[in-house]
N, C-alpha and C. Protein backbone atom coordinates (compact mmCIF):
# COMPACT_ATOMS: atom_id res chain seq x y z
N MET A 1 -46.08 111.60 -39.17
CA MET A 1 -46.98 111.30 -40.28
C MET A 1 -46.83 112.41 -41.32
N SER A 2 -46.65 112.04 -42.58
CA SER A 2 -46.51 113.02 -43.64
C SER A 2 -47.87 113.67 -43.95
N ASN A 3 -47.82 114.80 -44.66
CA ASN A 3 -49.07 115.44 -45.06
C ASN A 3 -49.91 114.51 -45.93
N ILE A 4 -49.26 113.77 -46.83
CA ILE A 4 -49.99 112.84 -47.70
C ILE A 4 -50.76 111.83 -46.83
N ASP A 5 -50.09 111.26 -45.85
CA ASP A 5 -50.74 110.28 -44.97
C ASP A 5 -51.88 110.91 -44.18
N THR A 6 -51.66 112.12 -43.70
CA THR A 6 -52.68 112.83 -42.92
C THR A 6 -53.90 113.14 -43.79
N ILE A 7 -53.66 113.60 -45.01
CA ILE A 7 -54.75 113.93 -45.94
C ILE A 7 -55.52 112.66 -46.30
N LYS A 8 -54.80 111.59 -46.62
CA LYS A 8 -55.46 110.32 -46.95
C LYS A 8 -56.33 109.84 -45.79
N LYS A 9 -55.80 109.94 -44.58
CA LYS A 9 -56.55 109.50 -43.40
C LYS A 9 -57.87 110.27 -43.30
N PHE A 10 -57.82 111.59 -43.48
CA PHE A 10 -59.03 112.40 -43.41
C PHE A 10 -60.01 112.02 -44.52
N VAL A 11 -59.52 111.95 -45.75
CA VAL A 11 -60.39 111.64 -46.90
C VAL A 11 -61.06 110.28 -46.71
N ILE A 12 -60.30 109.31 -46.26
CA ILE A 12 -60.86 107.97 -46.06
C ILE A 12 -61.88 107.97 -44.93
N GLU A 13 -61.56 108.60 -43.81
CA GLU A 13 -62.49 108.64 -42.68
C GLU A 13 -63.80 109.34 -43.04
N GLU A 14 -63.70 110.43 -43.81
CA GLU A 14 -64.88 111.24 -44.12
C GLU A 14 -65.66 110.79 -45.35
N PHE A 15 -64.95 110.27 -46.36
CA PHE A 15 -65.60 110.04 -47.65
C PHE A 15 -65.50 108.61 -48.19
N LEU A 16 -64.51 107.85 -47.75
CA LEU A 16 -64.27 106.51 -48.31
C LEU A 16 -63.98 105.49 -47.21
N PRO A 17 -64.91 105.29 -46.29
CA PRO A 17 -64.62 104.44 -45.13
C PRO A 17 -64.31 102.98 -45.47
N ASP A 18 -64.63 102.53 -46.67
CA ASP A 18 -64.37 101.14 -47.04
C ASP A 18 -62.97 100.93 -47.61
N LEU A 19 -62.20 102.00 -47.78
CA LEU A 19 -60.86 101.88 -48.35
C LEU A 19 -59.79 101.95 -47.26
N THR A 20 -58.61 101.49 -47.62
CA THR A 20 -57.43 101.65 -46.77
C THR A 20 -56.54 102.70 -47.44
N PRO A 21 -55.62 103.29 -46.71
CA PRO A 21 -54.71 104.26 -47.33
C PRO A 21 -53.97 103.70 -48.54
N GLN A 22 -53.68 102.42 -48.53
CA GLN A 22 -52.98 101.81 -49.65
C GLN A 22 -53.87 101.73 -50.90
N ASP A 23 -55.19 101.70 -50.70
CA ASP A 23 -56.13 101.62 -51.81
C ASP A 23 -56.34 102.96 -52.51
N LEU A 24 -56.04 104.06 -51.83
CA LEU A 24 -56.28 105.40 -52.38
C LEU A 24 -54.99 105.94 -52.98
N ARG A 25 -54.97 106.04 -54.30
CA ARG A 25 -53.79 106.59 -54.99
C ARG A 25 -53.71 108.10 -54.71
N ASP A 26 -52.50 108.59 -54.64
CA ASP A 26 -52.28 110.02 -54.38
C ASP A 26 -52.90 110.89 -55.46
N ASP A 27 -52.95 110.38 -56.70
CA ASP A 27 -53.45 111.18 -57.82
C ASP A 27 -54.89 110.83 -58.22
N HIS A 28 -55.59 110.07 -57.40
CA HIS A 28 -56.98 109.71 -57.70
C HIS A 28 -57.83 110.98 -57.72
N ASP A 29 -58.58 111.19 -58.80
CA ASP A 29 -59.39 112.40 -58.97
C ASP A 29 -60.67 112.27 -58.13
N LEU A 30 -60.64 112.89 -56.97
CA LEU A 30 -61.74 112.79 -56.02
C LEU A 30 -62.99 113.53 -56.47
N LEU A 31 -62.81 114.55 -57.29
CA LEU A 31 -63.95 115.36 -57.74
C LEU A 31 -64.67 114.73 -58.91
N SER A 32 -63.95 114.40 -59.97
CA SER A 32 -64.62 113.85 -61.14
C SER A 32 -65.15 112.44 -60.88
N ASP A 33 -64.58 111.75 -59.91
CA ASP A 33 -65.04 110.40 -59.56
C ASP A 33 -66.24 110.46 -58.62
N GLY A 34 -66.60 111.65 -58.15
CA GLY A 34 -67.77 111.81 -57.28
C GLY A 34 -67.53 111.44 -55.83
N VAL A 35 -66.29 111.24 -55.45
CA VAL A 35 -65.98 110.92 -54.06
C VAL A 35 -66.31 112.12 -53.17
N ILE A 36 -65.95 113.31 -53.65
CA ILE A 36 -66.21 114.53 -52.91
C ILE A 36 -67.09 115.43 -53.77
N ASP A 37 -68.23 115.85 -53.22
CA ASP A 37 -69.13 116.77 -53.92
C ASP A 37 -68.86 118.19 -53.42
N SER A 38 -69.69 119.13 -53.81
CA SER A 38 -69.45 120.53 -53.45
C SER A 38 -69.47 120.75 -51.94
N LEU A 39 -70.38 120.10 -51.24
CA LEU A 39 -70.39 120.22 -49.77
C LEU A 39 -69.17 119.55 -49.16
N GLY A 40 -68.74 118.47 -49.77
CA GLY A 40 -67.53 117.79 -49.31
C GLY A 40 -66.30 118.65 -49.47
N VAL A 41 -66.25 119.42 -50.56
CA VAL A 41 -65.12 120.33 -50.78
C VAL A 41 -65.09 121.37 -49.68
N LEU A 42 -66.25 121.89 -49.30
CA LEU A 42 -66.29 122.87 -48.21
C LEU A 42 -65.80 122.25 -46.90
N LYS A 43 -66.19 121.03 -46.64
CA LYS A 43 -65.74 120.32 -45.44
C LYS A 43 -64.22 120.12 -45.49
N LEU A 44 -63.72 119.74 -46.66
CA LEU A 44 -62.29 119.53 -46.85
C LEU A 44 -61.51 120.83 -46.65
N ILE A 45 -62.01 121.92 -47.22
CA ILE A 45 -61.35 123.22 -47.06
C ILE A 45 -61.32 123.63 -45.59
N ALA A 46 -62.44 123.46 -44.89
CA ALA A 46 -62.49 123.81 -43.47
C ALA A 46 -61.47 122.98 -42.68
N TRP A 47 -61.35 121.70 -43.02
CA TRP A 47 -60.38 120.84 -42.33
C TRP A 47 -58.95 121.29 -42.63
N VAL A 48 -58.65 121.60 -43.89
CA VAL A 48 -57.30 122.07 -44.26
C VAL A 48 -56.97 123.34 -43.48
N GLU A 49 -57.92 124.28 -43.44
CA GLU A 49 -57.67 125.52 -42.71
C GLU A 49 -57.38 125.23 -41.24
N ASP A 50 -58.19 124.39 -40.64
CA ASP A 50 -58.04 124.11 -39.21
C ASP A 50 -56.80 123.27 -38.93
N HIS A 51 -56.63 122.19 -39.65
CA HIS A 51 -55.56 121.24 -39.35
C HIS A 51 -54.17 121.81 -39.66
N PHE A 52 -54.06 122.60 -40.72
CA PHE A 52 -52.77 123.13 -41.13
C PHE A 52 -52.60 124.61 -40.82
N SER A 53 -53.54 125.19 -40.08
CA SER A 53 -53.50 126.61 -39.68
C SER A 53 -53.30 127.52 -40.88
N LEU A 54 -54.13 127.31 -41.89
CA LEU A 54 -54.07 128.11 -43.12
C LEU A 54 -55.38 128.86 -43.31
N ASP A 55 -55.31 129.97 -44.00
CA ASP A 55 -56.50 130.65 -44.48
C ASP A 55 -56.60 130.38 -45.97
N VAL A 56 -57.69 129.77 -46.39
CA VAL A 56 -57.92 129.51 -47.80
C VAL A 56 -58.75 130.66 -48.33
N GLY A 57 -58.13 131.50 -49.16
CA GLY A 57 -58.81 132.67 -49.70
C GLY A 57 -59.59 132.35 -50.96
N ASP A 58 -60.34 133.33 -51.41
CA ASP A 58 -61.16 133.14 -52.61
C ASP A 58 -60.33 132.71 -53.82
N ALA A 59 -59.14 133.26 -53.95
CA ALA A 59 -58.28 132.92 -55.09
C ALA A 59 -57.80 131.47 -55.03
N ASP A 60 -57.86 130.87 -53.84
CA ASP A 60 -57.39 129.49 -53.66
C ASP A 60 -58.49 128.46 -53.91
N LEU A 61 -59.70 128.91 -54.18
CA LEU A 61 -60.84 128.01 -54.29
C LEU A 61 -60.91 127.28 -55.63
N ASP A 62 -59.86 127.27 -56.37
CA ASP A 62 -59.78 126.52 -57.62
C ASP A 62 -59.95 125.04 -57.31
N PRO A 63 -60.92 124.37 -57.95
CA PRO A 63 -61.11 122.94 -57.67
C PRO A 63 -59.85 122.10 -57.87
N ASP A 64 -58.98 122.53 -58.75
CA ASP A 64 -57.75 121.77 -58.99
C ASP A 64 -56.88 121.70 -57.74
N ASN A 65 -57.02 122.65 -56.82
CA ASN A 65 -56.25 122.61 -55.57
C ASN A 65 -56.71 121.48 -54.64
N PHE A 66 -57.92 120.95 -54.88
CA PHE A 66 -58.50 119.96 -53.98
C PHE A 66 -58.95 118.70 -54.73
N ARG A 67 -58.45 118.52 -55.93
CA ARG A 67 -58.87 117.42 -56.81
C ARG A 67 -58.35 116.06 -56.37
N SER A 68 -57.19 116.01 -55.76
CA SER A 68 -56.59 114.74 -55.35
C SER A 68 -55.78 114.96 -54.08
N VAL A 69 -55.37 113.86 -53.47
CA VAL A 69 -54.53 113.95 -52.28
C VAL A 69 -53.23 114.69 -52.62
N ALA A 70 -52.66 114.38 -53.78
CA ALA A 70 -51.42 115.03 -54.19
C ALA A 70 -51.63 116.53 -54.42
N ALA A 71 -52.77 116.91 -55.01
CA ALA A 71 -53.06 118.33 -55.25
C ALA A 71 -53.25 119.08 -53.93
N ILE A 72 -53.92 118.45 -52.98
CA ILE A 72 -54.11 119.07 -51.66
C ILE A 72 -52.76 119.25 -50.98
N ASP A 73 -51.92 118.23 -51.07
CA ASP A 73 -50.58 118.31 -50.48
C ASP A 73 -49.77 119.45 -51.11
N ALA A 74 -49.84 119.58 -52.43
CA ALA A 74 -49.11 120.65 -53.13
C ALA A 74 -49.65 122.01 -52.72
N PHE A 75 -50.97 122.12 -52.59
CA PHE A 75 -51.56 123.38 -52.15
C PHE A 75 -51.05 123.77 -50.76
N ILE A 76 -51.06 122.81 -49.84
CA ILE A 76 -50.60 123.07 -48.48
C ILE A 76 -49.13 123.46 -48.48
N ALA A 77 -48.32 122.75 -49.27
CA ALA A 77 -46.89 123.03 -49.33
C ALA A 77 -46.61 124.44 -49.87
N GLY A 78 -47.47 124.92 -50.77
CA GLY A 78 -47.26 126.23 -51.37
C GLY A 78 -47.91 127.38 -50.62
N ALA A 79 -48.70 127.07 -49.61
CA ALA A 79 -49.41 128.11 -48.86
C ALA A 79 -48.52 128.68 -47.77
N PRO A 80 -48.66 129.97 -47.48
CA PRO A 80 -47.91 130.55 -46.36
C PRO A 80 -48.32 129.86 -45.06
N GLN A 81 -47.37 129.43 -44.28
CA GLN A 81 -47.64 128.69 -43.04
C GLN A 81 -47.87 129.65 -41.87
N GLY A 82 -48.69 129.21 -40.95
CA GLY A 82 -48.88 129.95 -39.71
C GLY A 82 -49.54 131.30 -39.89
N VAL A 83 -50.44 131.44 -40.87
CA VAL A 83 -51.07 132.73 -41.11
C VAL A 83 -52.22 133.02 -40.14
N ARG A 84 -52.63 132.03 -39.42
CA ARG A 84 -53.70 132.25 -38.43
C ARG A 84 -53.09 132.57 -37.08
N GLY A 85 -53.78 133.34 -36.32
CA GLY A 85 -53.29 133.72 -35.01
C GLY A 85 -53.72 132.89 -33.88
């Protein structure tokens, strides 16, 4: 399963249970559309850290990193892998 598919699966399970992965565009703005609120972003960040073994630092907390499935995928791809012990 690709990161895009994995991210979509999480977003749909947690925030959009009435959609299918095909219904959620990779570039859909989850923040401005109100799909994910501030608490949802924290939940999403915790999941990214846990699922991809990443530490999301203060400098990474830019909302643009978590605005869409594609943005989350790009953030994960650009993050140092395996930084957790």
